[in-house]
Amino acid sequence: MEIKDNELLRQFEISTDTGLVAMEYSLQDRKIFLTKFCENENLDIELQDEFIKSVLAIAEERNLKVVPTHIRLVKFFRKHRRYRELLPPGLKI
């Protein structure tokens, strides 16, 4: 899966057969706020989860703490406990 970091629109993107899947973000200090998840009629949950995991790997590679603000991303963090180490101190989900 090749993820494009569109810095102009501040979103990570992948292209699929059914369209574009994107995750909007905002950078502040050493934190990345994941503000919106746009699946654009792509209802493949496995693809969405792989996309989220890939974005979190990018954040980990860049040594950023992750603050999920979109409900889909909060549910992902609740379901996948191993990514909780990416949350900043004091943030509990």
N, C-alpha and C. Protein backbone atom coordinates (compact mmCIF):
# COMPACT_ATOMS: atom_id res chain seq x y z
N MET A 1 0.85 -1.17 0.00
CA MET A 1 0.00 0.00 0.00
C MET A 1 0.90 1.24 0.00
N GLU A 2 0.71 2.07 -0.98
CA GLU A 2 1.51 3.29 -1.09
C GLU A 2 0.67 4.47 -0.61
N ILE A 3 1.16 5.12 0.43
CA ILE A 3 0.46 6.24 1.02
C ILE A 3 1.12 7.53 0.56
N LYS A 4 0.29 8.46 0.11
CA LYS A 4 0.78 9.77 -0.31
C LYS A 4 0.50 10.77 0.81
N ASP A 5 1.53 11.50 1.21
CA ASP A 5 1.35 12.55 2.22
C ASP A 5 1.15 13.86 1.48
N ASN A 6 -0.10 14.26 1.31
CA ASN A 6 -0.43 15.50 0.61
C ASN A 6 -0.32 16.64 1.61
N GLU A 7 0.83 17.28 1.65
CA GLU A 7 1.08 18.34 2.64
C GLU A 7 0.25 19.58 2.38
N LEU A 8 -0.11 19.84 1.13
CA LEU A 8 -0.92 21.01 0.81
C LEU A 8 -2.31 20.90 1.42
N LEU A 9 -2.92 19.73 1.29
CA LEU A 9 -4.25 19.50 1.86
C LEU A 9 -4.20 18.94 3.27
N ARG A 10 -2.99 18.67 3.76
CA ARG A 10 -2.76 18.09 5.09
C ARG A 10 -3.56 16.81 5.26
N GLN A 11 -3.29 15.85 4.37
CA GLN A 11 -3.96 14.56 4.48
C GLN A 11 -3.09 13.46 3.90
N PHE A 12 -3.26 12.27 4.46
CA PHE A 12 -2.67 11.06 3.90
C PHE A 12 -3.70 10.46 2.97
N GLU A 13 -3.25 9.93 1.83
CA GLU A 13 -4.19 9.43 0.83
C GLU A 13 -3.72 8.10 0.26
N ILE A 14 -4.68 7.28 -0.14
CA ILE A 14 -4.42 6.12 -0.98
C ILE A 14 -5.52 6.08 -2.03
N SER A 15 -5.18 5.59 -3.20
CA SER A 15 -6.17 5.43 -4.27
C SER A 15 -6.56 3.97 -4.34
N THR A 16 -7.86 3.72 -4.44
CA THR A 16 -8.38 2.35 -4.55
C THR A 16 -9.26 2.28 -5.79
N ASP A 17 -9.76 1.09 -6.06
CA ASP A 17 -10.66 0.90 -7.21
C ASP A 17 -11.94 1.70 -7.05
N THR A 18 -12.38 1.87 -5.82
CA THR A 18 -13.64 2.58 -5.57
C THR A 18 -13.44 4.07 -5.31
N GLY A 19 -12.22 4.54 -5.31
CA GLY A 19 -11.97 5.97 -5.11
C GLY A 19 -10.86 6.24 -4.13
N LEU A 20 -10.83 7.45 -3.66
CA LEU A 20 -9.79 7.93 -2.76
C LEU A 20 -10.18 7.70 -1.31
N VAL A 21 -9.23 7.22 -0.51
CA VAL A 21 -9.41 7.12 0.93
C VAL A 21 -8.40 8.07 1.54
N ALA A 22 -8.86 8.96 2.43
CA ALA A 22 -7.98 9.99 2.97
C ALA A 22 -8.19 10.15 4.47
N MET A 23 -7.13 10.62 5.12
CA MET A 23 -7.17 10.92 6.54
C MET A 23 -6.54 12.30 6.73
N GLU A 24 -7.34 13.25 7.17
CA GLU A 24 -6.85 14.60 7.38
C GLU A 24 -6.13 14.69 8.71
N TYR A 25 -5.11 15.56 8.77
CA TYR A 25 -4.34 15.71 9.99
C TYR A 25 -3.94 17.15 10.21
N SER A 26 -3.49 17.41 11.42
CA SER A 26 -2.95 18.71 11.80
C SER A 26 -1.73 18.46 12.67
N LEU A 27 -0.63 19.13 12.36
CA LEU A 27 0.60 18.97 13.13
C LEU A 27 0.75 20.13 14.10
N GLN A 28 1.02 19.80 15.36
CA GLN A 28 1.29 20.80 16.39
C GLN A 28 2.36 20.24 17.31
N ASP A 29 3.44 20.98 17.47
CA ASP A 29 4.59 20.55 18.26
C ASP A 29 5.03 19.17 17.76
N ARG A 30 5.07 18.19 18.63
CA ARG A 30 5.46 16.83 18.25
C ARG A 30 4.24 15.90 18.27
N LYS A 31 3.07 16.48 17.97
CA LYS A 31 1.83 15.71 17.95
C LYS A 31 1.17 15.83 16.58
N ILE A 32 0.54 14.74 16.17
CA ILE A 32 -0.25 14.77 14.96
C ILE A 32 -1.70 14.49 15.37
N PHE A 33 -2.58 15.42 15.06
CA PHE A 33 -4.00 15.29 15.35
C PHE A 33 -4.67 14.72 14.10
N LEU A 34 -5.24 13.52 14.22
CA LEU A 34 -5.95 12.90 13.11
C LEU A 34 -7.41 13.34 13.20
N THR A 35 -7.78 14.30 12.35
CA THR A 35 -9.04 15.01 12.52
C THR A 35 -10.21 14.47 11.71
N LYS A 36 -9.94 13.80 10.60
CA LYS A 36 -11.05 13.35 9.77
C LYS A 36 -10.64 12.12 8.98
N PHE A 37 -11.55 11.17 8.86
CA PHE A 37 -11.31 9.96 8.07
C PHE A 37 -12.35 9.91 6.97
N CYS A 38 -11.92 9.98 5.72
CA CYS A 38 -12.83 10.01 4.57
C CYS A 38 -12.68 8.72 3.78
N GLU A 39 -13.64 7.81 3.90
CA GLU A 39 -13.53 6.55 3.17
C GLU A 39 -14.15 6.62 1.79
N ASN A 40 -14.95 7.64 1.50
CA ASN A 40 -15.52 7.87 0.17
C ASN A 40 -16.14 6.63 -0.45
N GLU A 41 -17.12 6.09 0.22
CA GLU A 41 -17.91 4.94 -0.24
C GLU A 41 -17.11 3.64 -0.30
N ASN A 42 -15.90 3.62 0.22
CA ASN A 42 -15.13 2.37 0.28
C ASN A 42 -15.42 1.74 1.63
N LEU A 43 -16.21 0.70 1.64
CA LEU A 43 -16.66 0.11 2.89
C LEU A 43 -15.85 -1.11 3.30
N ASP A 44 -14.69 -1.33 2.67
CA ASP A 44 -13.82 -2.45 3.01
C ASP A 44 -13.09 -2.13 4.32
N ILE A 45 -13.56 -2.70 5.41
CA ILE A 45 -13.02 -2.41 6.74
C ILE A 45 -11.56 -2.84 6.86
N GLU A 46 -11.22 -3.97 6.25
CA GLU A 46 -9.83 -4.44 6.32
C GLU A 46 -8.89 -3.45 5.64
N LEU A 47 -9.28 -2.91 4.50
CA LEU A 47 -8.47 -1.92 3.80
C LEU A 47 -8.33 -0.65 4.65
N GLN A 48 -9.42 -0.23 5.27
CA GLN A 48 -9.38 0.95 6.13
C GLN A 48 -8.43 0.73 7.30
N ASP A 49 -8.51 -0.45 7.93
CA ASP A 49 -7.63 -0.74 9.06
C ASP A 49 -6.17 -0.78 8.64
N GLU A 50 -5.88 -1.35 7.48
CA GLU A 50 -4.49 -1.37 6.98
C GLU A 50 -4.00 0.03 6.69
N PHE A 51 -4.87 0.88 6.18
CA PHE A 51 -4.52 2.27 5.92
C PHE A 51 -4.19 2.99 7.23
N ILE A 52 -5.02 2.80 8.24
CA ILE A 52 -4.79 3.43 9.53
C ILE A 52 -3.48 2.93 10.14
N LYS A 53 -3.23 1.63 10.06
CA LYS A 53 -1.99 1.07 10.59
C LYS A 53 -0.77 1.65 9.87
N SER A 54 -0.88 1.84 8.57
CA SER A 54 0.23 2.42 7.81
C SER A 54 0.48 3.87 8.19
N VAL A 55 -0.58 4.63 8.41
CA VAL A 55 -0.43 6.03 8.84
C VAL A 55 0.20 6.08 10.23
N LEU A 56 -0.21 5.18 11.12
CA LEU A 56 0.37 5.15 12.46
C LEU A 56 1.84 4.74 12.41
N ALA A 57 2.21 3.90 11.46
CA ALA A 57 3.62 3.54 11.29
C ALA A 57 4.43 4.75 10.83
N ILE A 58 3.84 5.58 9.98
CA ILE A 58 4.51 6.82 9.55
C ILE A 58 4.69 7.75 10.75
N ALA A 59 3.67 7.88 11.57
CA ALA A 59 3.76 8.74 12.76
C ALA A 59 4.82 8.24 13.71
N GLU A 60 4.89 6.92 13.88
CA GLU A 60 5.89 6.34 14.77
C GLU A 60 7.29 6.56 14.21
N GLU A 61 7.43 6.43 12.91
CA GLU A 61 8.72 6.65 12.25
C GLU A 61 9.20 8.09 12.42
N ARG A 62 8.25 9.03 12.42
CA ARG A 62 8.58 10.46 12.57
C ARG A 62 8.64 10.89 14.04
N ASN A 63 8.50 9.94 14.96
CA ASN A 63 8.52 10.20 16.40
C ASN A 63 7.45 11.20 16.82
N LEU A 64 6.24 11.01 16.32
CA LEU A 64 5.12 11.88 16.66
C LEU A 64 4.16 11.14 17.58
N LYS A 65 3.57 11.85 18.50
CA LYS A 65 2.48 11.31 19.30
C LYS A 65 1.19 11.54 18.53
N VAL A 66 0.26 10.62 18.65
CA VAL A 66 -0.97 10.65 17.86
C VAL A 66 -2.16 11.00 18.75
N VAL A 67 -2.96 11.97 18.29
CA VAL A 67 -4.19 12.35 19.00
C VAL A 67 -5.35 12.13 18.03
N PRO A 68 -6.08 11.02 18.19
CA PRO A 68 -7.22 10.78 17.30
C PRO A 68 -8.43 11.60 17.75
N THR A 69 -9.03 12.34 16.82
CA THR A 69 -10.22 13.12 17.17
C THR A 69 -11.46 12.65 16.41
N HIS A 70 -11.29 11.85 15.39
CA HIS A 70 -12.41 11.32 14.62
C HIS A 70 -12.88 10.02 15.26
N ILE A 71 -14.18 9.80 15.30
CA ILE A 71 -14.74 8.64 16.00
C ILE A 71 -14.24 7.32 15.42
N ARG A 72 -14.05 7.24 14.12
CA ARG A 72 -13.54 5.99 13.51
C ARG A 72 -12.15 5.67 14.01
N LEU A 73 -11.32 6.68 14.21
CA LEU A 73 -9.96 6.49 14.69
C LEU A 73 -9.93 6.16 16.18
N VAL A 74 -10.82 6.76 16.94
CA VAL A 74 -10.92 6.44 18.37
C VAL A 74 -11.33 4.99 18.55
N LYS A 75 -12.28 4.52 17.74
CA LYS A 75 -12.69 3.11 17.80
C LYS A 75 -11.54 2.19 17.44
N PHE A 76 -10.72 2.60 16.48
CA PHE A 76 -9.56 1.79 16.09
C PHE A 76 -8.60 1.66 17.27
N PHE A 77 -8.33 2.75 17.98
CA PHE A 77 -7.42 2.70 19.13
C PHE A 77 -8.00 1.85 20.25
N ARG A 78 -9.31 1.86 20.43
CA ARG A 78 -9.93 1.02 21.46
C ARG A 78 -9.80 -0.45 21.10
N LYS A 79 -9.93 -0.77 19.83
CA LYS A 79 -9.88 -2.15 19.38
C LYS A 79 -8.44 -2.69 19.33
N HIS A 80 -7.49 -1.87 18.97
CA HIS A 80 -6.10 -2.29 18.81
C HIS A 80 -5.24 -1.64 19.91
N ARG A 81 -5.13 -2.31 21.01
CA ARG A 81 -4.44 -1.76 22.18
C ARG A 81 -2.94 -1.55 21.98
N ARG A 82 -2.33 -2.26 21.04
CA ARG A 82 -0.88 -2.14 20.88
C ARG A 82 -0.46 -0.76 20.36
N TYR A 83 -1.40 0.01 19.81
CA TYR A 83 -1.08 1.35 19.31
C TYR A 83 -1.23 2.43 20.38
N ARG A 84 -1.63 2.05 21.56
CA ARG A 84 -1.84 3.04 22.63
C ARG A 84 -0.55 3.72 23.06
N GLU A 85 0.59 3.11 22.79
CA GLU A 85 1.87 3.73 23.15
C GLU A 85 2.13 4.99 22.31
N LEU A 86 1.39 5.16 21.21
CA LEU A 86 1.54 6.35 20.38
C LEU A 86 0.77 7.54 20.93
N LEU A 87 -0.12 7.29 21.88
CA LEU A 87 -0.91 8.38 22.46
C LEU A 87 -0.02 9.21 23.39
N PRO A 88 -0.28 10.52 23.44
CA PRO A 88 0.51 11.35 24.37
C PRO A 88 0.16 11.04 25.82
N PRO A 89 1.08 11.34 26.74
CA PRO A 89 0.81 11.08 28.17
C PRO A 89 -0.45 11.82 28.64
N GLY A 90 -1.27 11.12 29.39
CA GLY A 90 -2.47 11.72 29.94
C GLY A 90 -3.72 11.52 29.09
N LEU A 91 -3.57 11.09 27.84
CA LEU A 91 -4.72 10.87 26.99
C LEU A 91 -5.13 9.41 27.09
N LYS A 92 -6.36 9.19 27.55
CA LYS A 92 -6.86 7.83 27.70
C LYS A 92 -8.06 7.64 26.78
N ILE A 93 -8.04 6.50 26.10
CA ILE A 93 -9.12 6.18 25.18
C ILE A 93 -9.70 4.84 25.59
